[in-house]
């Protein structure tokens, strides 16, 4: 991991090389090095089928105890696969242990119970970038090594207008089923945020029953060597794949299709060395969003998301396709995305950065190349420092060194919507060898220093400026 001293040395070396006339190093060589050092876990050739433990493949009886017993025995034996065979299975929360691969076979569906009390007692988790004690994630691992969720089966959260989603409260014409008088997350959310600002110890931030803070679907927490591969996710309560404070994570070949409130697809938070590839995402929020903690809690942990490679993914519906923020107070750097296709009339932005003066945080060294955008509703590239609280805060959002290369777009309202602050401009954003067609309105460019266009066309005409 590069610390600040390494970054200063690297920057100084690059500057000296540039002054000496040498070619600048290719940043994509760093992406290749990141991928090379991420080694997915391997497991002993031992299977523990859950039907061996009296699980019910007809989804009538609860199979939670059978799954827990299979995981415990697999772990005690030194590792292997806990196999969910073809069939319908109902379960409560699943807690993985080190050296266990939860393998959901093709033809298998794990249906998660809709009773919130099934996800008690509370566990140590993170919610909208803040640590707390809350409902267990549907699939959870805490401080484990060598864990996996694999297979071509389906994970069905069974969330709907009747279960979990209404806890969001008023939102988007209440299409998720909330009506006046129903309980919602707002009081608990405000209480949690204030606890974090006051540095209340996490063990005392106890929520769960009666708080209406929905848990994420999959959350490995403080884990190393994680693989999530092949499965399909449906009807999630909240964020869907949410690794937190993890190292060496591979997320591959997922089919994520869930449109509830805050149904982000993949949200790595304060993770290092992470690969996302070959996934399909159609979501009720951002498809992929890189985070690192919210406000004072993000600054307390001070753990960036760094060294992240995203490639060969397809994004359909969502607020943003490739997003950084908004829970970004712990910083983010060295993010690479390539060979992705983003296309939907219900996708707002292709590349999206969001931050504000309440969160702050430094985001730097973000590289995008070879992206194909069919259509997006708003802008292809968006930087929004006015997100939510906007300028109401005492921290400085920083974004610098972003390169967008070989991007083609067929339809959008704007090429770019770039809104920094006067006292915190956006620094060094390059668009290179890009083609934007079907653009309806001029770009918005406010408080940007170092916006460079190289071989860029808009609606078939070469341009040197976006304004």
Protein backbone atom coordinates (compact mmCIF):
# COMPACT_ATOMS: atom_id res chain seq x y z
CA UNK A 1 0.00 0.00 0.00
CA UNK A 2 1.30 3.45 -0.86
CA UNK A 3 1.36 5.78 2.14
CA UNK A 4 1.65 9.56 1.85
CA UNK A 5 5.45 9.45 1.77
CA UNK A 6 5.36 6.94 -1.10
CA UNK A 7 2.95 9.18 -3.00
CA UNK A 8 5.18 12.21 -2.51
CA UNK A 9 8.23 10.29 -3.68
CA UNK A 10 6.33 8.95 -6.70
CA UNK A 11 5.03 12.40 -7.60
CA UNK A 12 8.46 13.94 -7.25
CA UNK A 13 10.02 11.24 -9.43
CA UNK A 14 7.36 11.78 -12.11
CA UNK A 15 7.98 15.53 -12.05
CA UNK A 16 11.74 15.11 -12.39
CA UNK A 17 11.27 12.63 -15.23
CA UNK A 18 8.95 15.02 -17.00
CA UNK A 19 11.40 17.89 -16.66
CA UNK A 20 14.15 15.66 -17.98
CA UNK A 21 12.09 14.89 -21.08
CA UNK A 22 11.35 11.29 -20.13
CA UNK A 23 7.97 9.74 -20.89
CA UNK A 24 5.56 9.71 -17.96
CA UNK A 25 4.85 6.23 -16.54
CA UNK A 26 1.68 4.52 -17.70
CA UNK A 27 -0.79 4.53 -14.78
CA UNK A 28 -2.46 1.41 -16.17
CA UNK A 29 0.65 -0.56 -15.33
CA UNK A 30 -0.38 -0.04 -11.72
CA UNK A 31 -3.81 -1.54 -12.49
CA UNK A 32 -2.13 -4.65 -13.88
CA UNK A 33 0.00 -4.92 -10.74
CA UNK A 34 -3.09 -4.61 -8.52
CA UNK A 35 -4.84 -7.46 -10.33
CA UNK A 36 -1.71 -9.61 -10.24
CA UNK A 37 -1.44 -9.48 -6.47
CA UNK A 38 -5.13 -10.23 -5.76
CA UNK A 39 -5.25 -13.99 -5.32
CA UNK A 40 -8.75 -15.42 -4.83
CA UNK A 41 -8.96 -17.94 -1.99
CA UNK A 42 -8.81 -21.66 -2.64
CA UNK A 43 -10.45 -24.34 -0.52
CA UNK A 44 -9.86 -27.98 0.36
CA UNK A 45 -11.73 -30.49 -1.75
CA UNK A 46 -14.40 -31.18 0.89
CA UNK A 47 -18.14 -30.64 0.51
CA UNK A 48 -20.72 -30.18 3.24
CA UNK A 49 -24.14 -30.28 1.53
CA UNK A 50 -26.78 -28.61 3.66
CA UNK A 51 -29.34 -31.36 2.95
CA UNK A 52 -27.07 -33.63 4.99
CA UNK A 53 -28.09 -31.52 8.00
CA UNK A 54 -31.86 -31.79 7.54
CA UNK A 55 -32.32 -28.62 5.53
CA UNK A 56 -35.66 -28.35 3.72
CA UNK A 57 -35.37 -27.98 -0.07
CA UNK A 58 -39.11 -27.17 -0.36
CA UNK A 59 -38.68 -23.83 1.47
CA UNK A 60 -41.30 -24.76 4.03
CA UNK A 61 -39.18 -25.30 7.12
CA UNK A 62 -36.42 -22.90 8.15
CA UNK A 63 -32.98 -24.19 7.08
CA UNK A 64 -30.98 -21.64 9.10
CA UNK A 65 -29.79 -24.13 11.72
CA UNK A 66 -28.75 -26.68 9.10
CA UNK A 67 -26.72 -24.07 7.19
CA UNK A 68 -25.07 -22.83 10.39
CA UNK A 69 -24.14 -26.39 11.39
CA UNK A 70 -22.67 -27.12 7.96
CA UNK A 71 -20.58 -23.94 8.15
CA UNK A 72 -19.35 -24.77 11.64
CA UNK A 73 -18.32 -28.31 10.67
CA UNK A 74 -16.67 -27.13 7.46
CA UNK A 75 -14.66 -24.55 9.39
CA UNK A 76 -13.69 -27.06 12.11
CA UNK A 77 -12.50 -29.52 9.47
CA UNK A 78 -10.11 -26.95 8.02
CA UNK A 79 -12.33 -25.60 5.27
CA UNK A 80 -14.15 -26.59 2.11
CA UNK A 81 -17.50 -25.91 0.46
CA UNK A 82 -20.86 -25.63 2.14
CA UNK A 83 -23.10 -26.62 -0.76
CA UNK A 84 -26.66 -25.44 -1.28
CA UNK A 85 -28.01 -28.01 -3.77
CA UNK A 86 -30.74 -27.34 -6.34
CA UNK A 87 -34.06 -26.53 -4.70
CA UNK A 88 -35.75 -23.76 -2.71
CA UNK A 89 -34.37 -23.08 0.74
CA UNK A 90 -35.48 -20.54 3.32
CA UNK A 91 -33.00 -19.10 5.79
CA UNK A 92 -32.25 -16.31 8.19
CA UNK A 93 -28.85 -14.60 8.32
CA UNK A 94 -25.85 -16.65 7.27
CA UNK A 95 -22.57 -16.01 9.11
CA UNK A 96 -19.51 -17.31 7.31
CA UNK A 97 -16.31 -18.50 8.96
CA UNK A 98 -12.72 -18.60 7.73
CA UNK A 99 -11.88 -21.09 4.99
CA UNK A 100 -15.54 -21.62 4.06
CA UNK A 101 -16.97 -21.31 0.55
CA UNK A 102 -20.76 -20.99 0.53
CA UNK A 103 -21.57 -22.57 -2.84
CA UNK A 104 -25.08 -21.95 -4.14
CA UNK A 105 -25.49 -24.45 -6.97
CA UNK A 106 -27.25 -23.73 -10.24
CA UNK A 107 -30.93 -24.39 -9.69
CA UNK A 108 -30.74 -23.43 -6.02
CA UNK A 109 -32.50 -20.42 -4.50
CA UNK A 110 -31.81 -19.17 -0.98
CA UNK A 111 -34.85 -17.19 0.17
CA UNK A 112 -34.14 -14.95 3.15
CA UNK A 113 -36.76 -14.60 5.86
CA UNK A 114 -38.85 -11.45 5.85
CA UNK A 115 -39.21 -11.15 9.64
CA UNK A 116 -36.70 -8.50 10.83
CA UNK A 117 -36.40 -10.20 14.21
CA UNK A 118 -34.70 -13.11 12.45
CA UNK A 119 -31.69 -10.78 11.95
CA UNK A 120 -31.13 -10.28 15.67
CA UNK A 121 -29.08 -10.17 17.82
CA UNK A 122 -27.30 -7.11 16.49
CA UNK A 123 -23.79 -7.34 15.04
CA UNK A 124 -20.92 -4.93 14.43
CA UNK A 125 -21.65 -3.42 11.04
CA UNK A 126 -21.52 -0.21 8.99
CA UNK A 127 -24.54 1.72 7.74
CA UNK A 128 -24.24 4.62 5.30
CA UNK A 129 -20.58 4.91 6.20
CA UNK A 130 -20.97 4.81 10.00
CA UNK A 131 -20.15 1.94 12.36
CA UNK A 132 -22.84 0.71 14.75
CA UNK A 133 -24.53 -2.34 16.21
CA UNK A 134 -27.48 -3.22 13.99
CA UNK A 135 -29.42 -6.00 12.31
CA UNK A 136 -27.19 -8.69 10.85
CA UNK A 137 -26.54 -8.45 7.12
CA UNK A 138 -28.23 -11.32 5.28
CA UNK A 139 -24.80 -12.88 4.58
CA UNK A 140 -22.12 -11.68 6.99
CA UNK A 141 -18.51 -12.39 7.87
CA UNK A 142 -16.50 -10.61 10.56
CA UNK A 143 -12.70 -10.72 10.74
CA UNK A 144 -12.44 -13.85 8.59
CA UNK A 145 -9.85 -15.01 6.07
CA UNK A 146 -10.34 -17.06 2.91
CA UNK A 147 -14.09 -16.88 2.44
CA UNK A 148 -16.28 -17.14 -0.63
CA UNK A 149 -19.81 -17.08 -1.98
CA UNK A 150 -19.91 -18.89 -5.31
CA UNK A 151 -22.16 -20.76 -7.70
CA UNK A 152 -24.85 -19.96 -10.24
CA UNK A 153 -27.77 -20.02 -7.85
CA UNK A 154 -29.99 -17.18 -6.66
CA UNK A 155 -29.92 -15.17 -3.43
CA UNK A 156 -33.41 -13.75 -2.96
CA UNK A 157 -33.87 -11.20 -0.19
CA UNK A 158 -37.65 -11.30 -0.66
CA UNK A 159 -37.84 -7.56 0.04
CA UNK A 160 -40.77 -5.61 -1.33
CA UNK A 161 -43.37 -2.94 -0.65
CA UNK A 162 -44.53 -5.19 2.20
CA UNK A 163 -41.12 -6.02 3.69
CA UNK A 164 -38.14 -3.76 4.51
CA UNK A 165 -38.41 -1.20 1.69
CA UNK A 166 -40.99 1.03 3.38
CA UNK A 167 -38.48 1.72 6.15
CA UNK A 168 -36.83 4.20 3.79
CA UNK A 169 -39.68 6.62 4.49
CA UNK A 170 -40.74 9.39 2.08
CA UNK A 171 -38.86 8.93 -1.21
CA UNK A 172 -39.52 9.23 -4.94
CA UNK A 173 -43.29 9.56 -4.85
CA UNK A 174 -43.29 6.67 -2.38
CA UNK A 175 -43.14 4.10 -5.17
CA UNK A 176 -41.67 1.62 -2.67
CA UNK A 177 -44.93 1.50 -0.69
CA UNK A 178 -44.45 3.91 2.21
CA UNK A 179 -47.54 5.91 3.25
CA UNK A 180 -48.01 8.61 5.85
CA UNK A 181 -48.06 7.17 9.34
CA UNK A 182 -45.74 4.24 8.66
CA UNK A 183 -42.53 4.09 10.72
CA UNK A 184 -39.30 4.93 8.91
CA UNK A 185 -35.55 5.24 9.38
CA UNK A 186 -35.30 9.02 9.76
CA UNK A 187 -35.22 9.37 13.58
CA UNK A 188 -32.69 6.55 14.03
CA UNK A 189 -30.60 7.81 11.12
CA UNK A 190 -30.34 11.28 12.65
CA UNK A 191 -29.51 9.77 16.05
CA UNK A 192 -26.77 7.58 14.56
CA UNK A 193 -25.22 10.47 12.66
CA UNK A 194 -25.10 12.59 15.83
CA UNK A 195 -23.57 9.72 17.83
CA UNK A 196 -20.80 9.47 15.24
CA UNK A 197 -20.15 13.22 15.39
CA UNK A 198 -19.96 12.97 19.19
CA UNK A 199 -17.53 10.01 18.96
CA UNK A 200 -19.81 7.77 20.99
CA UNK A 201 -18.10 4.33 21.18
CA UNK A 202 -19.45 1.92 18.57
CA UNK A 203 -20.48 -0.61 21.23
CA UNK A 204 -22.90 2.02 22.56
CA UNK A 205 -24.45 2.77 19.16
CA UNK A 206 -27.05 0.04 19.51
CA UNK A 207 -29.92 0.05 17.03
CA UNK A 208 -31.68 -2.98 15.53
CA UNK A 209 -35.28 -3.64 16.57
CA UNK A 210 -37.40 -0.49 16.27
CA UNK A 211 -34.74 1.56 14.49
CA UNK A 212 -35.77 0.74 10.91
CA UNK A 213 -32.19 0.83 9.58
CA UNK A 214 -32.18 -1.81 6.85
CA UNK A 215 -29.19 -4.18 6.74
CA UNK A 216 -27.06 -4.79 3.64
CA UNK A 217 -27.41 -8.05 1.71
CA UNK A 218 -23.79 -9.27 1.71
CA UNK A 219 -21.19 -7.74 4.01
CA UNK A 220 -17.73 -9.14 4.72
CA UNK A 221 -16.27 -6.91 7.44
CA UNK A 222 -12.53 -6.66 8.20
CA UNK A 223 -11.90 -9.75 6.08
CA UNK A 224 -8.98 -10.79 3.87
CA UNK A 225 -8.99 -12.91 0.72
CA UNK A 226 -12.63 -12.72 -0.28
CA UNK A 227 -14.31 -14.15 -3.39
CA UNK A 228 -17.91 -13.43 -4.43
CA UNK A 229 -18.58 -15.07 -7.78
CA UNK A 230 -21.38 -16.15 -10.07
CA UNK A 231 -24.50 -15.76 -7.94
CA UNK A 232 -27.57 -13.68 -8.77
CA UNK A 233 -28.99 -11.18 -6.28
CA UNK A 234 -32.64 -10.21 -6.17
CA UNK A 235 -34.83 -8.03 -3.95
CA UNK A 236 -32.22 -6.65 -1.55
CA UNK A 237 -33.13 -4.74 1.62
CA UNK A 238 -30.40 -2.10 1.18
CA UNK A 239 -26.87 -1.99 -0.28
CA UNK A 240 -26.25 -5.31 -1.99
CA UNK A 241 -22.55 -6.25 -1.97
CA UNK A 242 -20.77 -4.21 0.68
CA UNK A 243 -17.23 -5.26 1.62
CA UNK A 244 -15.93 -3.06 4.44
CA UNK A 245 -12.31 -2.68 5.58
CA UNK A 246 -11.33 -5.73 3.53
CA UNK A 247 -8.14 -6.67 1.70
CA UNK A 248 -7.75 -8.71 -1.48
CA UNK A 249 -11.32 -8.98 -2.71
CA UNK A 250 -12.53 -10.49 -5.99
CA UNK A 251 -16.12 -9.84 -7.13
CA UNK A 252 -16.78 -11.62 -10.39
CA UNK A 253 -19.64 -12.62 -12.66
CA UNK A 254 -22.52 -11.42 -10.47
CA UNK A 255 -26.00 -10.77 -11.82
CA UNK A 256 -27.48 -8.01 -9.67
CA UNK A 257 -31.02 -6.89 -10.40
CA UNK A 258 -32.83 -5.18 -7.54
CA UNK A 259 -34.61 -1.82 -7.62
CA UNK A 260 -35.58 -1.04 -4.04
CA UNK A 261 -34.52 2.17 -2.24
CA UNK A 262 -30.76 2.44 -1.72
CA UNK A 263 -30.25 -0.81 -3.64
CA UNK A 264 -26.69 0.07 -4.66
CA UNK A 265 -25.10 -2.84 -6.49
CA UNK A 266 -21.50 -3.06 -5.24
CA UNK A 267 -20.16 -0.63 -2.61
CA UNK A 268 -16.56 -1.32 -1.57
CA UNK A 269 -15.89 0.79 1.51
CA UNK A 270 -12.41 1.41 2.93
CA UNK A 271 -11.09 -1.60 1.00
CA UNK A 272 -7.64 -2.17 -0.48
CA UNK A 273 -6.76 -4.28 -3.53
CA UNK A 274 -10.15 -5.12 -5.01
CA UNK A 275 -11.21 -6.44 -8.43
CA UNK A 276 -14.74 -6.21 -9.86
CA UNK A 277 -15.21 -7.87 -13.23
CA UNK A 278 -17.78 -9.37 -15.58
CA UNK A 279 -20.79 -8.27 -13.52
CA UNK A 280 -24.25 -7.14 -14.65
CA UNK A 281 -25.91 -4.47 -12.53
CA UNK A 282 -29.39 -2.96 -12.70
CA UNK A 283 -30.18 -1.20 -9.46
CA UNK A 284 -32.32 1.23 -7.49
CA UNK A 285 -29.30 3.44 -6.76
CA UNK A 286 -25.65 3.55 -7.88
CA UNK A 287 -24.46 0.44 -9.71
CA UNK A 288 -20.93 0.58 -8.29
CA UNK A 289 -20.04 3.17 -5.62
CA UNK A 290 -16.63 3.42 -3.96
CA UNK A 291 -16.87 4.72 -0.39
CA UNK A 292 -14.64 5.20 2.67
CA UNK A 293 -16.79 6.30 5.58
CA UNK A 294 -19.05 9.22 6.35
CA UNK A 295 -18.15 12.48 8.09
CA UNK A 296 -16.52 12.17 11.53
CA UNK A 297 -16.68 8.37 11.51
CA UNK A 298 -14.81 8.21 8.21
CA UNK A 299 -12.18 10.56 9.57
CA UNK A 300 -11.94 8.55 12.79
CA UNK A 301 -11.10 5.33 10.95
CA UNK A 302 -9.10 7.18 8.28
CA UNK A 303 -8.98 4.18 5.94
CA UNK A 304 -9.17 4.96 2.22
CA UNK A 305 -10.54 2.83 -0.55
CA UNK A 306 -7.56 2.27 -2.81
CA UNK A 307 -6.24 0.10 -5.59
CA UNK A 308 -9.58 -0.84 -7.15
CA UNK A 309 -9.94 -2.25 -10.67
CA UNK A 310 -13.32 -2.52 -12.41
CA UNK A 311 -13.52 -4.14 -15.83
CA UNK A 312 -15.86 -5.78 -18.33
CA UNK A 313 -19.04 -4.91 -16.44
CA UNK A 314 -22.47 -3.97 -17.79
CA UNK A 315 -24.61 -1.33 -16.10
CA UNK A 316 -28.28 -0.72 -16.82
CA UNK A 317 -30.63 1.16 -14.47
CA UNK A 318 -29.16 3.21 -11.65
CA UNK A 319 -28.30 6.67 -10.39
CA UNK A 320 -24.64 6.35 -11.37
CA UNK A 321 -22.82 3.61 -13.23
CA UNK A 322 -19.23 4.09 -12.02
CA UNK A 323 -19.46 6.23 -8.89
CA UNK A 324 -17.02 7.47 -6.26
CA UNK A 325 -18.72 8.81 -3.12
CA UNK A 326 -20.57 10.19 -1.40
CA UNK A 327 -19.41 8.52 1.87
CA UNK A 328 -15.81 9.42 1.07
CA UNK A 329 -14.42 11.12 4.21
CA UNK A 330 -11.67 8.49 4.53
CA UNK A 331 -10.36 9.28 0.99
CA UNK A 332 -10.07 7.20 -2.20
CA UNK A 333 -7.28 6.76 -4.70
CA UNK A 334 -6.00 4.60 -7.53
CA UNK A 335 -9.32 3.61 -9.10
CA UNK A 336 -9.34 2.08 -12.58
CA UNK A 337 -12.32 1.19 -14.78
CA UNK A 338 -12.15 -0.18 -18.31
CA UNK A 339 -14.13 -2.01 -20.99
CA UNK A 340 -17.54 -1.46 -19.41
CA UNK A 341 -20.87 -0.86 -21.15
CA UNK A 342 -23.36 1.53 -19.57
CA UNK A 343 -26.75 1.85 -21.23
CA UNK A 344 -30.26 2.64 -20.00
CA UNK A 345 -32.77 5.48 -20.21
CA UNK A 346 -33.00 4.98 -16.44
CA UNK A 347 -29.26 5.41 -15.81
CA UNK A 348 -28.61 8.99 -14.71
CA UNK A 349 -24.81 9.26 -15.02
CA UNK A 350 -22.07 7.07 -16.49
CA UNK A 351 -19.13 8.36 -14.40
CA UNK A 352 -20.11 10.08 -11.18
CA UNK A 353 -18.21 11.72 -8.32
CA UNK A 354 -20.20 13.08 -5.35
CA UNK A 355 -19.01 14.85 -2.24
CA UNK A 356 -19.68 17.93 -0.11
CA UNK A 357 -18.22 20.19 2.56
CA UNK A 358 -19.67 18.14 5.42
CA UNK A 359 -17.83 14.99 4.30
CA UNK A 360 -14.65 16.23 2.68
CA UNK A 361 -12.03 13.69 1.71
CA UNK A 362 -9.43 13.47 -1.05
CA UNK A 363 -10.23 11.52 -4.22
CA UNK A 364 -7.31 11.21 -6.61
CA UNK A 365 -5.85 9.16 -9.43
CA UNK A 366 -8.98 7.85 -11.13
CA UNK A 367 -8.67 6.42 -14.63
CA UNK A 368 -11.43 5.37 -17.04
CA UNK A 369 -10.91 3.98 -20.52
CA UNK A 370 -12.70 2.10 -23.28
CA UNK A 371 -16.20 2.69 -21.96
CA UNK A 372 -19.21 2.38 -24.24
CA UNK A 373 -22.19 4.45 -23.20
CA UNK A 374 -25.41 3.75 -25.09
CA UNK A 375 -27.49 6.38 -23.32
CA UNK A 376 -27.74 8.07 -19.95
CA UNK A 377 -30.45 10.40 -18.71
CA UNK A 378 -28.21 13.24 -17.50
CA UNK A 379 -24.44 13.65 -17.99
CA UNK A 380 -21.78 11.19 -19.07
CA UNK A 381 -19.29 12.65 -16.55
CA UNK A 382 -20.57 14.27 -13.36
CA UNK A 383 -18.67 15.83 -10.48
CA UNK A 384 -21.01 17.16 -7.80
CA UNK A 385 -19.62 18.83 -4.69
CA UNK A 386 -23.14 20.14 -4.02
CA UNK A 387 -24.46 16.68 -3.20
CA UNK A 388 -26.96 16.71 -0.30
CA UNK A 389 -25.48 19.13 2.28
CA UNK A 390 -23.42 20.88 -0.40
CA UNK A 391 -21.31 23.77 0.92
CA UNK A 392 -22.76 23.50 4.43
CA UNK A 393 -19.72 22.13 6.24
CA UNK A 394 -16.17 22.95 7.32
CA UNK A 395 -14.30 20.30 5.33
CA UNK A 396 -12.82 20.58 1.87
CA UNK A 397 -13.77 18.07 -0.81
CA UNK A 398 -10.81 17.39 -3.10
CA UNK A 399 -10.85 15.73 -6.52
CA UNK A 400 -7.72 15.65 -8.63
CA UNK A 401 -6.13 13.75 -11.47
CA UNK A 402 -9.02 12.13 -13.34
CA UNK A 403 -8.46 10.79 -16.87
CA UNK A 404 -11.36 9.72 -19.11
CA UNK A 405 -10.05 8.08 -22.26
CA UNK A 406 -11.65 6.45 -25.31
CA UNK A 407 -15.24 6.85 -24.17
CA UNK A 408 -18.05 6.82 -26.72
CA UNK A 409 -21.59 7.89 -25.91
CA UNK A 410 -24.72 7.71 -28.05
CA UNK A 411 -27.19 9.85 -26.10
CA UNK A 412 -27.10 12.11 -23.05
CA UNK A 413 -28.42 15.45 -21.87
CA UNK A 414 -24.86 16.72 -21.37
CA UNK A 415 -21.30 15.60 -21.88
CA UNK A 416 -20.35 16.81 -18.41
CA UNK A 417 -21.76 18.41 -15.29
CA UNK A 418 -18.74 19.57 -13.28
CA UNK A 419 -19.47 21.58 -10.15
CA UNK A 420 -16.66 22.28 -7.73
CA UNK A 421 -16.54 25.02 -5.11
CA UNK A 422 -14.84 28.37 -5.53
CA UNK A 423 -12.58 27.54 -2.57
CA UNK A 424 -12.31 23.87 -3.59
CA UNK A 425 -12.12 23.54 -7.36
CA UNK A 426 -11.88 20.31 -9.30
CA UNK A 427 -8.26 19.78 -10.38
CA UNK A 428 -6.82 18.17 -13.50
CA UNK A 429 -9.60 16.39 -15.36
CA UNK A 430 -8.69 15.12 -18.82
CA UNK A 431 -11.00 13.90 -21.59
CA UNK A 432 -8.98 12.17 -24.28
CA UNK A 433 -10.01 10.55 -27.57
CA UNK A 434 -13.73 10.63 -26.71
CA UNK A 435 -16.86 10.78 -28.89
CA UNK A 436 -20.14 12.13 -27.51
CA UNK A 437 -23.18 11.99 -29.79
CA UNK A 438 -26.83 12.77 -29.18
CA UNK A 439 -25.95 15.54 -26.71
CA UNK A 440 -28.97 17.77 -26.05
CA UNK A 441 -27.61 20.62 -23.91
CA UNK A 442 -24.31 22.40 -23.17
CA UNK A 443 -22.12 21.10 -20.36
CA UNK A 444 -21.99 22.75 -16.95
CA UNK A 445 -18.47 23.66 -15.84
CA UNK A 446 -18.03 25.52 -12.54
CA UNK A 447 -14.82 25.90 -10.57
CA UNK A 448 -12.58 23.56 -12.53
CA UNK A 449 -8.83 24.07 -12.87
CA UNK A 450 -6.98 22.03 -15.42
CA UNK A 451 -9.78 20.75 -17.68
CA UNK A 452 -8.05 19.32 -20.73
CA UNK A 453 -9.65 18.05 -23.94
CA UNK A 454 -7.62 16.05 -26.43
CA UNK A 455 -9.29 14.78 -29.61
CA UNK A 456 -12.86 15.15 -28.35
CA UNK A 457 -15.93 15.43 -30.56
CA UNK A 458 -19.46 16.42 -29.55
CA UNK A 459 -22.29 15.67 -31.96
CA UNK A 460 -19.73 15.00 -34.67
CA UNK A 461 -17.80 18.27 -34.24
CA UNK A 462 -14.30 18.54 -32.72
CA UNK A 463 -14.28 20.70 -29.60
CA UNK A 464 -11.56 22.27 -27.52
CA UNK A 465 -13.81 23.40 -24.71
CA UNK A 466 -16.99 22.17 -23.03
CA UNK A 467 -18.35 25.71 -22.52
